[in-house]
Amino acid sequence: MALDKKYFFTLKSIEYYNRFHSPEAEARLLEYREDGTIVVEFKGSFCHTCGIRDWVEDLAYVMKSLGGDAVLEEYIEPEGEEDYKRVGVFKVKKTPEGDPGEW
Protein backbone atom coordinates (compact mmCIF):
# COMPACT_ATOMS: atom_id res chain seq x y z
CA MET A 1 0.00 0.00 0.00
CA ALA A 2 1.37 3.37 -0.94
CA LEU A 3 1.30 5.79 1.96
CA ASP A 4 -0.78 8.82 1.11
CA LYS A 5 -1.49 12.30 2.42
CA LYS A 6 -4.36 11.11 4.62
CA TYR A 7 -2.01 8.70 6.39
CA PHE A 8 0.61 11.39 7.06
CA PHE A 9 -2.10 13.84 8.10
CA THR A 10 -3.45 11.27 10.55
CA LEU A 11 -0.03 10.80 12.14
CA LYS A 12 0.50 14.57 12.38
CA SER A 13 -2.95 15.05 13.94
CA ILE A 14 -2.39 12.31 16.52
CA GLU A 15 0.98 13.81 17.42
CA TYR A 16 -0.68 17.23 17.87
CA TYR A 17 -3.55 15.69 19.88
CA ASN A 18 -1.13 13.96 22.24
CA ARG A 19 0.90 17.13 22.73
CA PHE A 20 -2.11 18.89 24.24
CA HIS A 21 -4.13 16.03 25.78
CA SER A 22 -1.44 13.86 27.37
CA PRO A 23 -1.19 12.52 30.06
CA GLU A 24 -4.99 12.52 30.61
CA ALA A 25 -5.55 11.04 27.14
CA GLU A 26 -3.14 9.54 24.66
CA ALA A 27 -4.09 8.50 21.13
CA ARG A 28 -2.47 5.72 19.10
CA LEU A 29 -3.22 4.71 15.52
CA LEU A 30 -4.37 1.08 15.42
CA GLU A 31 -5.37 0.82 11.77
CA TYR A 32 -5.29 2.87 8.59
CA ARG A 33 -7.41 1.90 5.59
CA GLU A 34 -6.90 3.11 2.04
CA ASP A 35 -10.36 4.70 1.98
CA GLY A 36 -9.27 7.14 4.71
CA THR A 37 -10.85 5.25 7.60
CA ILE A 38 -8.69 5.27 10.71
CA VAL A 39 -9.05 3.33 13.95
CA VAL A 40 -7.54 5.11 16.94
CA GLU A 41 -7.13 3.89 20.49
CA PHE A 42 -7.42 6.40 23.34
CA LYS A 43 -6.02 5.55 26.76
CA GLY A 44 -5.76 7.52 29.96
CA SER A 45 -7.47 8.76 33.08
CA PHE A 46 -9.96 10.76 30.97
CA CYS A 47 -12.13 7.62 31.01
CA HIS A 48 -13.09 8.47 34.59
CA THR A 49 -14.25 12.01 33.87
CA CYS A 50 -17.39 13.55 32.44
CA GLY A 51 -17.64 13.81 28.68
CA ILE A 52 -15.64 10.69 27.83
CA ARG A 53 -16.81 10.73 24.22
CA ASP A 54 -15.69 14.37 23.89
CA TRP A 55 -12.07 13.32 24.43
CA VAL A 56 -12.35 10.96 21.47
CA GLU A 57 -14.23 13.46 19.27
CA ASP A 58 -11.51 16.03 19.95
CA LEU A 59 -9.29 14.31 17.39
CA ALA A 60 -11.70 15.37 14.63
CA TYR A 61 -11.55 18.96 15.92
CA VAL A 62 -7.74 18.82 15.95
CA MET A 63 -7.83 17.72 12.31
CA LYS A 64 -10.12 20.63 11.43
CA SER A 65 -7.86 23.08 13.25
CA LEU A 66 -4.93 21.82 11.15
CA GLY A 67 -6.83 22.47 7.91
CA GLY A 68 -8.32 19.04 7.25
CA ASP A 69 -11.63 17.37 7.96
CA ALA A 70 -12.63 14.13 9.67
CA VAL A 71 -15.76 12.66 11.19
CA LEU A 72 -16.13 10.26 14.10
CA GLU A 73 -18.13 7.37 12.61
CA GLU A 74 -18.04 4.94 15.53
CA TYR A 75 -17.26 5.20 19.25
CA ILE A 76 -16.35 1.92 20.94
CA GLU A 77 -16.18 1.07 24.63
CA PRO A 78 -14.45 -2.33 24.52
CA GLU A 79 -16.20 -4.89 26.69
CA GLY A 80 -14.06 -6.79 29.15
CA GLU A 81 -11.21 -4.36 28.57
CA GLU A 82 -9.55 -2.11 31.07
CA ASP A 83 -11.49 0.99 32.10
CA TYR A 84 -8.88 3.35 30.69
CA LYS A 85 -9.44 2.65 27.00
CA ARG A 86 -11.78 3.78 24.22
CA VAL A 87 -11.60 3.37 20.43
CA GLY A 88 -12.71 5.81 17.75
CA VAL A 89 -13.29 5.01 14.09
CA PHE A 90 -12.92 8.14 11.97
CA LYS A 91 -13.25 8.94 8.30
CA VAL A 92 -10.61 11.41 7.07
CA LYS A 93 -12.38 13.43 4.39
CA LYS A 94 -9.82 16.13 3.60
CA THR A 95 -6.19 16.97 4.24
CA PRO A 96 -4.60 20.41 4.40
CA GLU A 97 -3.36 22.00 1.17
CA GLY A 98 0.27 21.56 0.22
CA ASP A 99 2.84 18.87 0.85
CA PRO A 100 2.95 16.93 4.14
CA GLY A 101 6.34 18.47 4.95
CA GLU A 102 4.69 21.92 5.00
CA TRP A 103 2.04 21.08 7.60
PDB file of N, CA and C in Angstrom:
ATOM      1  N   MET A   1       0.839  -1.184   0.000  1.00  0.00           N
ATOM      2  CA  MET A   1       0.000   0.000   0.000  1.00  0.00           C
ATOM      3  C   MET A   1       0.883   1.245   0.000  1.00  0.00           C
ATOM      4  N   ALA A   2       0.646   2.109  -0.914  1.00  0.00           N
ATOM      5  CA  ALA A   2       1.370   3.373  -0.941  1.00  0.00           C
ATOM      6  C   ALA A   2       0.823   4.283   0.159  1.00  0.00           C
ATOM      7  N   LEU A   3       1.730   4.885   0.903  1.00  0.00           N
ATOM      8  CA  LEU A   3       1.300   5.793   1.956  1.00  0.00           C
ATOM      9  C   LEU A   3       0.885   7.108   1.325  1.00  0.00           C
ATOM     10  N   ASP A   4      -0.268   7.612   1.732  1.00  0.00           N
ATOM     11  CA  ASP A   4      -0.781   8.817   1.111  1.00  0.00           C
ATOM     12  C   ASP A   4      -0.882   9.972   2.093  1.00  0.00           C
ATOM     13  N   LYS A   5      -1.387  11.095   1.606  1.00  0.00           N
ATOM     14  CA  LYS A   5      -1.486  12.297   2.418  1.00  0.00           C
ATOM     15  C   LYS A   5      -2.394  12.106   3.630  1.00  0.00           C
ATOM     16  N   LYS A   6      -3.463  11.331   3.483  1.00  0.00           N
ATOM     17  CA  LYS A   6      -4.360  11.106   4.621  1.00  0.00           C
ATOM     18  C   LYS A   6      -3.649  10.374   5.748  1.00  0.00           C
ATOM     19  N   TYR A   7      -2.779   9.441   5.382  1.00  0.00           N
ATOM     20  CA  TYR A   7      -2.014   8.702   6.391  1.00  0.00           C
ATOM     21  C   TYR A   7      -1.084   9.655   7.145  1.00  0.00           C
ATOM     22  N   PHE A   8      -0.310  10.455   6.415  1.00  0.00           N
ATOM     23  CA  PHE A   8       0.610  11.391   7.056  1.00  0.00           C
ATOM     24  C   PHE A   8      -0.142  12.442   7.871  1.00  0.00           C
ATOM     25  N   PHE A   9      -1.279  12.883   7.364  1.00  0.00           N
ATOM     26  CA  PHE A   9      -2.098  13.841   8.096  1.00  0.00           C
ATOM     27  C   PHE A   9      -2.619  13.228   9.395  1.00  0.00           C
ATOM     28  N   THR A  10      -3.001  11.971   9.348  1.00  0.00           N
ATOM     29  CA  THR A  10      -3.453  11.266  10.545  1.00  0.00           C
ATOM     30  C   THR A  10      -2.350  11.230  11.593  1.00  0.00           C
ATOM     31  N   LEU A  11      -1.149  10.864  11.190  1.00  0.00           N
ATOM     32  CA  LEU A  11      -0.029  10.802  12.135  1.00  0.00           C
ATOM     33  C   LEU A  11       0.264  12.173  12.740  1.00  0.00           C
ATOM     34  N   LYS A  12       0.257  13.206  11.911  1.00  0.00           N
ATOM     35  CA  LYS A  12       0.498  14.570  12.382  1.00  0.00           C
ATOM     36  C   LYS A  12      -0.585  15.001  13.377  1.00  0.00           C
ATOM     37  N   SER A  13      -1.827  14.672  13.074  1.00  0.00           N
ATOM     38  CA  SER A  13      -2.949  15.049  13.940  1.00  0.00           C
ATOM     39  C   SER A  13      -2.877  14.333  15.286  1.00  0.00           C
ATOM     40  N   ILE A  14      -2.514  13.057  15.273  1.00  0.00           N
ATOM     41  CA  ILE A  14      -2.391  12.306  16.524  1.00  0.00           C
ATOM     42  C   ILE A  14      -1.240  12.869  17.361  1.00  0.00           C
ATOM     43  N   GLU A  15      -0.151  13.208  16.710  1.00  0.00           N
ATOM     44  CA  GLU A  15       0.981  13.814  17.419  1.00  0.00           C
ATOM     45  C   GLU A  15       0.542  15.123  18.085  1.00  0.00           C
ATOM     46  N   TYR A  16      -0.187  15.944  17.356  1.00  0.00           N
ATOM     47  CA  TYR A  16      -0.680  17.226  17.873  1.00  0.00           C
ATOM     48  C   TYR A  16      -1.677  16.989  19.018  1.00  0.00           C
ATOM     49  N   TYR A  17      -2.584  16.045  18.842  1.00  0.00           N
ATOM     50  CA  TYR A  17      -3.554  15.689  19.880  1.00  0.00           C
ATOM     51  C   TYR A  17      -2.828  15.322  21.171  1.00  0.00           C
ATOM     52  N   ASN A  18      -1.844  14.433  21.052  1.00  0.00           N
ATOM     53  CA  ASN A  18      -1.128  13.965  22.244  1.00  0.00           C
ATOM     54  C   ASN A  18      -0.354  15.087  22.927  1.00  0.00           C
ATOM     55  N   ARG A  19       0.150  16.014  22.155  1.00  0.00           N
ATOM     56  CA  ARG A  19       0.900  17.130  22.730  1.00  0.00           C
ATOM     57  C   ARG A  19       0.033  17.918  23.709  1.00  0.00           C
ATOM     58  N   PHE A  20      -1.245  18.055  23.415  1.00  0.00           N
ATOM     59  CA  PHE A  20      -2.112  18.889  24.244  1.00  0.00           C
ATOM     60  C   PHE A  20      -3.060  18.108  25.169  1.00  0.00           C
ATOM     61  N   HIS A  21      -3.200  16.815  24.962  1.00  0.00           N
ATOM     62  CA  HIS A  21      -4.126  16.032  25.783  1.00  0.00           C
ATOM     63  C   HIS A  21      -3.437  15.074  26.754  1.00  0.00           C
ATOM     64  N   SER A  22      -2.173  14.772  26.510  1.00  0.00           N
ATOM     65  CA  SER A  22      -1.440  13.857  27.374  1.00  0.00           C
ATOM     66  C   SER A  22      -1.049  14.582  28.666  1.00  0.00           C
ATOM     67  N   PRO A  23      -1.063  13.954  29.804  1.00  0.00           N
ATOM     68  CA  PRO A  23      -1.191  12.520  30.060  1.00  0.00           C
ATOM     69  C   PRO A  23      -2.620  12.038  30.302  1.00  0.00           C
ATOM     70  N   GLU A  24      -3.606  12.947  30.346  1.00  0.00           N
ATOM     71  CA  GLU A  24      -4.986  12.524  30.609  1.00  0.00           C
ATOM     72  C   GLU A  24      -5.520  11.608  29.513  1.00  0.00           C
ATOM     73  N   ALA A  25      -5.129  11.873  28.273  1.00  0.00           N
ATOM     74  CA  ALA A  25      -5.548  11.045  27.135  1.00  0.00           C
ATOM     75  C   ALA A  25      -4.381  10.945  26.163  1.00  0.00           C
ATOM     76  N   GLU A  26      -4.183   9.741  25.662  1.00  0.00           N
ATOM     77  CA  GLU A  26      -3.139   9.536  24.659  1.00  0.00           C
ATOM     78  C   GLU A  26      -3.706   8.682  23.538  1.00  0.00           C
ATOM     79  N   ALA A  27      -3.539   9.175  22.306  1.00  0.00           N
ATOM     80  CA  ALA A  27      -4.086   8.496  21.129  1.00  0.00           C
ATOM     81  C   ALA A  27      -2.983   7.696  20.436  1.00  0.00           C
ATOM     82  N   ARG A  28      -3.397   6.575  19.841  1.00  0.00           N
ATOM     83  CA  ARG A  28      -2.465   5.720  19.101  1.00  0.00           C
ATOM     84  C   ARG A  28      -3.204   5.128  17.910  1.00  0.00           C
ATOM     85  N   LEU A  29      -2.618   5.244  16.738  1.00  0.00           N
ATOM     86  CA  LEU A  29      -3.217   4.706  15.522  1.00  0.00           C
ATOM     87  C   LEU A  29      -3.143   3.177  15.551  1.00  0.00           C
ATOM     88  N   LEU A  30      -4.312   2.540  15.451  1.00  0.00           N
ATOM     89  CA  LEU A  30      -4.367   1.076  15.416  1.00  0.00           C
ATOM     90  C   LEU A  30      -4.434   0.551  13.996  1.00  0.00           C
ATOM     91  N   GLU A  31      -5.168   1.298  13.142  1.00  0.00           N
ATOM     92  CA  GLU A  31      -5.366   0.819  11.769  1.00  0.00           C
ATOM     93  C   GLU A  31      -5.612   1.996  10.839  1.00  0.00           C
ATOM     94  N   TYR A  32      -5.048   1.902   9.646  1.00  0.00           N
ATOM     95  CA  TYR A  32      -5.293   2.875   8.590  1.00  0.00           C
ATOM     96  C   TYR A  32      -5.766   2.108   7.361  1.00  0.00           C
ATOM     97  N   ARG A  33      -6.882   2.544   6.794  1.00  0.00           N
ATOM     98  CA  ARG A  33      -7.409   1.901   5.590  1.00  0.00           C
ATOM     99  C   ARG A  33      -7.275   2.856   4.413  1.00  0.00           C
ATOM    100  N   GLU A  34      -7.123   2.296   3.236  1.00  0.00           N
ATOM    101  CA  GLU A  34      -6.898   3.110   2.036  1.00  0.00           C
ATOM    102  C   GLU A  34      -8.035   4.075   1.729  1.00  0.00           C
ATOM    103  N   ASP A  35      -9.233   3.797   2.230  1.00  0.00           N
ATOM    104  CA  ASP A  35     -10.360   4.702   1.980  1.00  0.00           C
ATOM    105  C   ASP A  35     -10.377   5.895   2.932  1.00  0.00           C
ATOM    106  N   GLY A  36      -9.344   6.014   3.782  1.00  0.00           N
ATOM    107  CA  GLY A  36      -9.269   7.137   4.713  1.00  0.00           C
ATOM    108  C   GLY A  36      -9.876   6.851   6.063  1.00  0.00           C
ATOM    109  N   THR A  37     -10.324   5.631   6.292  1.00  0.00           N
ATOM    110  CA  THR A  37     -10.851   5.252   7.604  1.00  0.00           C
ATOM    111  C   THR A  37      -9.669   4.962   8.525  1.00  0.00           C
ATOM    112  N   ILE A  38      -9.732   5.531   9.722  1.00  0.00           N
ATOM    113  CA  ILE A  38      -8.687   5.274  10.712  1.00  0.00           C
ATOM    114  C   ILE A  38      -9.317   4.757  11.992  1.00  0.00           C
ATOM    115  N   VAL A  39      -8.617   3.871  12.657  1.00  0.00           N
ATOM    116  CA  VAL A  39      -9.047   3.332  13.947  1.00  0.00           C
ATOM    117  C   VAL A  39      -8.004   3.770  14.955  1.00  0.00           C
ATOM    118  N   VAL A  40      -8.451   4.512  15.974  1.00  0.00           N
ATOM    119  CA  VAL A  40      -7.535   5.114  16.936  1.00  0.00           C
ATOM    120  C   VAL A  40      -7.927   4.684  18.346  1.00  0.00           C
ATOM    121  N   GLU A  41      -6.927   4.250  19.094  1.00  0.00           N
ATOM    122  CA  GLU A  41      -7.126   3.885  20.492  1.00  0.00           C
ATOM    123  C   GLU A  41      -6.799   5.090  21.364  1.00  0.00           C
ATOM    124  N   PHE A  42      -7.624   5.326  22.376  1.00  0.00           N
ATOM    125  CA  PHE A  42      -7.420   6.403  23.335  1.00  0.00           C
ATOM    126  C   PHE A  42      -7.311   5.776  24.719  1.00  0.00           C
ATOM    127  N   LYS A  43      -6.232   6.072  25.403  1.00  0.00           N
ATOM    128  CA  LYS A  43      -6.021   5.554  26.760  1.00  0.00           C
ATOM    129  C   LYS A  43      -5.724   6.708  27.696  1.00  0.00           C
ATOM    130  N   GLY A  44      -6.106   6.520  28.956  1.00  0.00           N
ATOM    131  CA  GLY A  44      -5.762   7.524  29.957  1.00  0.00           C
ATOM    132  C   GLY A  44      -6.832   7.681  31.012  1.00  0.00           C
ATOM    133  N   SER A  45      -6.545   8.537  31.956  1.00  0.00           N
ATOM    134  CA  SER A  45      -7.468   8.757  33.075  1.00  0.00           C
ATOM    135  C   SER A  45      -8.727   9.505  32.662  1.00  0.00           C
ATOM    136  N   PHE A  46      -8.767  10.052  31.438  1.00  0.00           N
ATOM    137  CA  PHE A  46      -9.965  10.762  30.965  1.00  0.00           C
ATOM    138  C   PHE A  46     -11.195   9.868  31.030  1.00  0.00           C
ATOM    139  N   CYS A  47     -11.011   8.566  31.002  1.00  0.00           N
ATOM    140  CA  CYS A  47     -12.126   7.619  31.012  1.00  0.00           C
ATOM    141  C   CYS A  47     -12.921   7.667  32.319  1.00  0.00           C
ATOM    142  N   HIS A  48     -12.391   8.356  33.306  1.00  0.00           N
ATOM    143  CA  HIS A  48     -13.092   8.474  34.588  1.00  0.00           C
ATOM    144  C   HIS A  48     -13.567   9.900  34.820  1.00  0.00           C
ATOM    145  N   THR A  49     -13.762  10.643  33.754  1.00  0.00           N
ATOM    146  CA  THR A  49     -14.253  12.011  33.868  1.00  0.00           C
ATOM    147  C   THR A  49     -15.569  12.137  33.101  1.00  0.00           C
ATOM    148  N   CYS A  50     -16.186  13.277  33.219  1.00  0.00           N
ATOM    149  CA  CYS A  50     -17.393  13.550  32.439  1.00  0.00           C
ATOM    150  C   CYS A  50     -16.994  13.786  30.981  1.00  0.00           C
ATOM    151  N   GLY A  51     -17.885  13.519  30.081  1.00  0.00           N
ATOM    152  CA  GLY A  51     -17.639  13.812  28.676  1.00  0.00           C
ATOM    153  C   GLY A  51     -16.598  12.914  28.038  1.00  0.00           C
ATOM    154  N   ILE A  52     -16.634  11.630  28.359  1.00  0.00           N
ATOM    155  CA  ILE A  52     -15.637  10.693  27.829  1.00  0.00           C
ATOM    156  C   ILE A  52     -15.601  10.739  26.306  1.00  0.00           C
ATOM    157  N   ARG A  53     -16.753  10.728  25.685  1.00  0.00           N
ATOM    158  CA  ARG A  53     -16.812  10.734  24.223  1.00  0.00           C
ATOM    159  C   ARG A  53     -16.166  11.990  23.644  1.00  0.00           C
ATOM    160  N   ASP A  54     -16.279  13.106  24.355  1.00  0.00           N
ATOM    161  CA  ASP A  54     -15.689  14.366  23.889  1.00  0.00           C
ATOM    162  C   ASP A  54     -14.184  14.246  23.692  1.00  0.00           C
ATOM    163  N   TRP A  55     -13.526  13.492  24.552  1.00  0.00           N
ATOM    164  CA  TRP A  55     -12.070  13.320  24.434  1.00  0.00           C
ATOM    165  C   TRP A  55     -11.728  12.618  23.120  1.00  0.00           C
ATOM    166  N   VAL A  56     -12.565  11.687  22.716  1.00  0.00           N
ATOM    167  CA  VAL A  56     -12.346  10.962  21.466  1.00  0.00           C
ATOM    168  C   VAL A  56     -12.678  11.876  20.280  1.00  0.00           C
ATOM    169  N   GLU A  57     -13.818  12.550  20.353  1.00  0.00           N
ATOM    170  CA  GLU A  57     -14.228  13.457  19.271  1.00  0.00           C
ATOM    171  C   GLU A  57     -13.234  14.592  19.044  1.00  0.00           C
ATOM    172  N   ASP A  58     -12.479  14.943  20.071  1.00  0.00           N
ATOM    173  CA  ASP A  58     -11.515  16.034  19.946  1.00  0.00           C
ATOM    174  C   ASP A  58     -10.516  15.806  18.823  1.00  0.00           C
ATOM    175  N   LEU A  59     -10.227  14.558  18.484  1.00  0.00           N
ATOM    176  CA  LEU A  59      -9.286  14.311  17.391  1.00  0.00           C
ATOM    177  C   LEU A  59      -9.817  14.891  16.078  1.00  0.00           C
ATOM    178  N   ALA A  60     -11.117  14.785  15.841  1.00  0.00           N
ATOM    179  CA  ALA A  60     -11.703  15.369  14.631  1.00  0.00           C
ATOM    180  C   ALA A  60     -11.563  16.895  14.644  1.00  0.00           C
ATOM    181  N   TYR A  61     -11.712  17.511  15.817  1.00  0.00           N
ATOM    182  CA  TYR A  61     -11.551  18.963  15.916  1.00  0.00           C
ATOM    183  C   TYR A  61     -10.098  19.374  15.711  1.00  0.00           C
ATOM    184  N   VAL A  62      -9.165  18.555  16.194  1.00  0.00           N
ATOM    185  CA  VAL A  62      -7.744  18.816  15.949  1.00  0.00           C
ATOM    186  C   VAL A  62      -7.482  18.804  14.451  1.00  0.00           C
ATOM    187  N   MET A  63      -8.035  17.816  13.759  1.00  0.00           N
ATOM    188  CA  MET A  63      -7.834  17.718  12.309  1.00  0.00           C
ATOM    189  C   MET A  63      -8.396  18.941  11.601  1.00  0.00           C
ATOM    190  N   LYS A  64      -9.550  19.421  12.034  1.00  0.00           N
ATOM    191  CA  LYS A  64     -10.122  20.627  11.426  1.00  0.00           C
ATOM    192  C   LYS A  64      -9.253  21.843  11.701  1.00  0.00           C
ATOM    193  N   SER A  65      -8.706  21.933  12.916  1.00  0.00           N
ATOM    194  CA  SER A  65      -7.859  23.084  13.250  1.00  0.00           C
ATOM    195  C   SER A  65      -6.563  23.084  12.448  1.00  0.00           C
ATOM    196  N   LEU A  66      -6.146  21.919  11.967  1.00  0.00           N
ATOM    197  CA  LEU A  66      -4.934  21.815  11.153  1.00  0.00           C
ATOM    198  C   LEU A  66      -5.221  21.964   9.657  1.00  0.00           C
ATOM    199  N   GLY A  67      -6.485  22.217   9.299  1.00  0.00           N
ATOM    200  CA  GLY A  67      -6.831  22.468   7.905  1.00  0.00           C
ATOM    201  C   GLY A  67      -7.434  21.291   7.170  1.00  0.00           C
ATOM    202  N   GLY A  68      -7.712  20.218   7.876  1.00  0.00           N
ATOM    203  CA  GLY A  68      -8.324  19.044   7.253  1.00  0.00           C
ATOM    204  C   GLY A  68      -9.751  18.870   7.722  1.00  0.00           C
ATOM    205  N   ASP A  69     -10.270  17.668   7.528  1.00  0.00           N
ATOM    206  CA  ASP A  69     -11.630  17.371   7.962  1.00  0.00           C
ATOM    207  C   ASP A  69     -11.744  15.868   8.214  1.00  0.00           C
ATOM    208  N   ALA A  70     -12.380  15.525   9.326  1.00  0.00           N
ATOM    209  CA  ALA A  70     -12.626  14.129   9.673  1.00  0.00           C
ATOM    210  C   ALA A  70     -13.898  14.049  10.497  1.00  0.00           C
ATOM    211  N   VAL A  71     -14.520  12.880  10.468  1.00  0.00           N
ATOM    212  CA  VAL A  71     -15.764  12.658  11.194  1.00  0.00           C
ATOM    213  C   VAL A  71     -15.628  11.382  12.025  1.00  0.00           C
ATOM    214  N   LEU A  72     -16.084  11.454  13.269  1.00  0.00           N
ATOM    215  CA  LEU A  72     -16.133  10.258  14.099  1.00  0.00           C
ATOM    216  C   LEU A  72     -17.320   9.430  13.647  1.00  0.00           C
ATOM    217  N   GLU A  73     -17.062   8.231  13.118  1.00  0.00           N
ATOM    218  CA  GLU A  73     -18.129   7.370  12.612  1.00  0.00           C
ATOM    219  C   GLU A  73     -18.584   6.336  13.631  1.00  0.00           C
ATOM    220  N   GLU A  74     -17.686   5.959  14.532  1.00  0.00           N
ATOM    221  CA  GLU A  74     -18.036   4.943  15.529  1.00  0.00           C
ATOM    222  C   GLU A  74     -17.217   5.178  16.791  1.00  0.00           C
ATOM    223  N   TYR A  75     -17.881   5.046  17.930  1.00  0.00           N
ATOM    224  CA  TYR A  75     -17.260   5.196  19.247  1.00  0.00           C
ATOM    225  C   TYR A  75     -17.418   3.858  19.950  1.00  0.00           C
ATOM    226  N   ILE A  76     -16.308   3.271  20.380  1.00  0.00           N
ATOM    227  CA  ILE A  76     -16.348   1.923  20.939  1.00  0.00           C
ATOM    228  C   ILE A  76     -15.821   1.928  22.369  1.00  0.00           C
ATOM    229  N   GLU A  77     -16.613   1.341  23.268  1.00  0.00           N
ATOM    230  CA  GLU A  77     -16.183   1.072  24.633  1.00  0.00           C
ATOM    231  C   GLU A  77     -15.964  -0.433  24.716  1.00  0.00           C
ATOM    232  N   PRO A  78     -14.715  -0.879  24.568  1.00  0.00           N
ATOM    233  CA  PRO A  78     -14.452  -2.325  24.521  1.00  0.00           C
ATOM    234  C   PRO A  78     -14.949  -3.038  25.773  1.00  0.00           C
ATOM    235  N   GLU A  79     -15.701  -4.099  25.568  1.00  0.00           N
ATOM    236  CA  GLU A  79     -16.197  -4.893  26.691  1.00  0.00           C
ATOM    237  C   GLU A  79     -15.092  -5.784  27.217  1.00  0.00           C
ATOM    238  N   GLY A  80     -15.050  -5.925  28.539  1.00  0.00           N
ATOM    239  CA  GLY A  80     -14.062  -6.786  29.150  1.00  0.00           C
ATOM    240  C   GLY A  80     -12.656  -6.211  29.127  1.00  0.00           C
ATOM    241  N   GLU A  81     -12.522  -5.006  28.628  1.00  0.00           N
ATOM    242  CA  GLU A  81     -11.211  -4.359  28.571  1.00  0.00           C
ATOM    243  C   GLU A  81     -11.028  -3.500  29.811  1.00  0.00           C
ATOM    244  N   GLU A  82      -9.835  -3.012  29.964  1.00  0.00           N
ATOM    245  CA  GLU A  82      -9.551  -2.111  31.067  1.00  0.00           C
ATOM    246  C   GLU A  82     -10.411  -0.847  30.941  1.00  0.00           C
ATOM    247  N   ASP A  83     -10.644  -0.197  32.071  1.00  0.00           N
ATOM    248  CA  ASP A  83     -11.486   0.994  32.101  1.00  0.00           C
ATOM    249  C   ASP A  83     -10.864   2.196  31.413  1.00  0.00           C
ATOM    250  N   TYR A  84      -9.591   2.181  31.193  1.00  0.00           N
ATOM    251  CA  TYR A  84      -8.884   3.351  30.695  1.00  0.00           C
ATOM    252  C   TYR A  84      -8.689   3.344  29.185  1.00  0.00           C
ATOM    253  N   LYS A  85      -9.642   2.786  28.446  1.00  0.00           N
ATOM    254  CA  LYS A  85      -9.444   2.649  26.999  1.00  0.00           C
ATOM    255  C   LYS A  85     -10.755   2.861  26.242  1.00  0.00           C
ATOM    256  N   ARG A  86     -10.677   3.610  25.147  1.00  0.00           N
ATOM    257  CA  ARG A  86     -11.783   3.775  24.217  1.00  0.00           C
ATOM    258  C   ARG A  86     -11.190   3.725  22.809  1.00  0.00           C
ATOM    259  N   VAL A  87     -12.048   3.443  21.816  1.00  0.00           N
ATOM    260  CA  VAL A  87     -11.602   3.371  20.432  1.00  0.00           C
ATOM    261  C   VAL A  87     -12.533   4.233  19.581  1.00  0.00           C
ATOM    262  N   GLY A  88     -11.942   5.000  18.687  1.00  0.00           N
ATOM    263  CA  GLY A  88     -12.714   5.806  17.755  1.00  0.00           C
ATOM    264  C   GLY A  88     -12.396   5.394  16.328  1.00  0.00           C
ATOM    265  N   VAL A  89     -13.452   5.288  15.516  1.00  0.00           N
ATOM    266  CA  VAL A  89     -13.287   5.014  14.089  1.00  0.00           C
ATOM    267  C   VAL A  89     -13.677   6.295  13.364  1.00  0.00           C
ATOM    268  N   PHE A  90     -12.740   6.860  12.645  1.00  0.00           N
ATOM    269  CA  PHE A  90     -12.923   8.135  11.966  1.00  0.00           C
ATOM    270  C   PHE A  90     -12.809   7.954  10.465  1.00  0.00           C
ATOM    271  N   LYS A  91     -13.420   8.866   9.746  1.00  0.00           N
ATOM    272  CA  LYS A  91     -13.253   8.942   8.296  1.00  0.00           C
ATOM    273  C   LYS A  91     -12.564  10.272   7.999  1.00  0.00           C
ATOM    274  N   VAL A  92     -11.344  10.201   7.455  1.00  0.00           N
ATOM    275  CA  VAL A  92     -10.615  11.410   7.067  1.00  0.00           C
ATOM    276  C   VAL A  92     -11.125  11.811   5.693  1.00  0.00           C
ATOM    277  N   LYS A  93     -11.749  12.981   5.623  1.00  0.00           N
ATOM    278  CA  LYS A  93     -12.380  13.425   4.390  1.00  0.00           C
ATOM    279  C   LYS A  93     -11.509  14.383   3.590  1.00  0.00           C
ATOM    280  N   LYS A  94     -10.622  15.101   4.282  1.00  0.00           N
ATOM    281  CA  LYS A  94      -9.823  16.127   3.604  1.00  0.00           C
ATOM    282  C   LYS A  94      -8.526  16.322   4.365  1.00  0.00           C
ATOM    283  N   THR A  95      -7.460  16.612   3.625  1.00  0.00           N
ATOM    284  CA  THR A  95      -6.186  16.970   4.238  1.00  0.00           C
ATOM    285  C   THR A  95      -5.900  18.434   3.947  1.00  0.00           C
ATOM    286  N   PRO A  96      -4.964  19.020   4.682  1.00  0.00           N
ATOM    287  CA  PRO A  96      -4.603  20.408   4.399  1.00  0.00           C
ATOM    288  C   PRO A  96      -3.990  20.531   2.997  1.00  0.00           C
ATOM    289  N   GLU A  97      -3.999  21.727   2.471  1.00  0.00           N
ATOM    290  CA  GLU A  97      -3.363  21.995   1.167  1.00  0.00           C
ATOM    291  C   GLU A  97      -1.850  21.884   1.317  1.00  0.00           C
ATOM    292  N   GLY A  98      -1.169  21.609   0.233  1.00  0.00           N
ATOM    293  CA  GLY A  98       0.275  21.563   0.224  1.00  0.00           C
ATOM    294  C   GLY A  98       0.839  20.179   0.486  1.00  0.00           C
ATOM    295  N   ASP A  99       2.143  20.120   0.593  1.00  0.00           N
ATOM    296  CA  ASP A  99       2.835  18.873   0.850  1.00  0.00           C
ATOM    297  C   ASP A  99       2.880  18.572   2.336  1.00  0.00           C
ATOM    298  N   PRO A 100       2.907  17.283   2.716  1.00  0.00           N
ATOM    299  CA  PRO A 100       2.950  16.927   4.141  1.00  0.00           C
ATOM    300  C   PRO A 100       4.098  17.587   4.904  1.00  0.00           C
ATOM    301  N   GLY A 101       5.218  17.818   4.274  1.00  0.00           N
ATOM    302  CA  GLY A 101       6.337  18.471   4.949  1.00  0.00           C
ATOM    303  C   GLY A 101       6.070  19.907   5.339  1.00  0.00           C
ATOM    304  N   GLU A 102       5.036  20.507   4.729  1.00  0.00           N
ATOM    305  CA  GLU A 102       4.688  21.917   5.004  1.00  0.00           C
ATOM    306  C   GLU A 102       3.676  22.065   6.130  1.00  0.00           C
ATOM    307  N   TRP A 103       3.093  20.954   6.592  1.00  0.00           N
ATOM    308  CA  TRP A 103       2.038  21.077   7.602  1.00  0.00           C
ATOM    309  C   TRP A 103       2.612  21.424   8.935  1.00  0.00           C
TER     310      TRP A 103
END
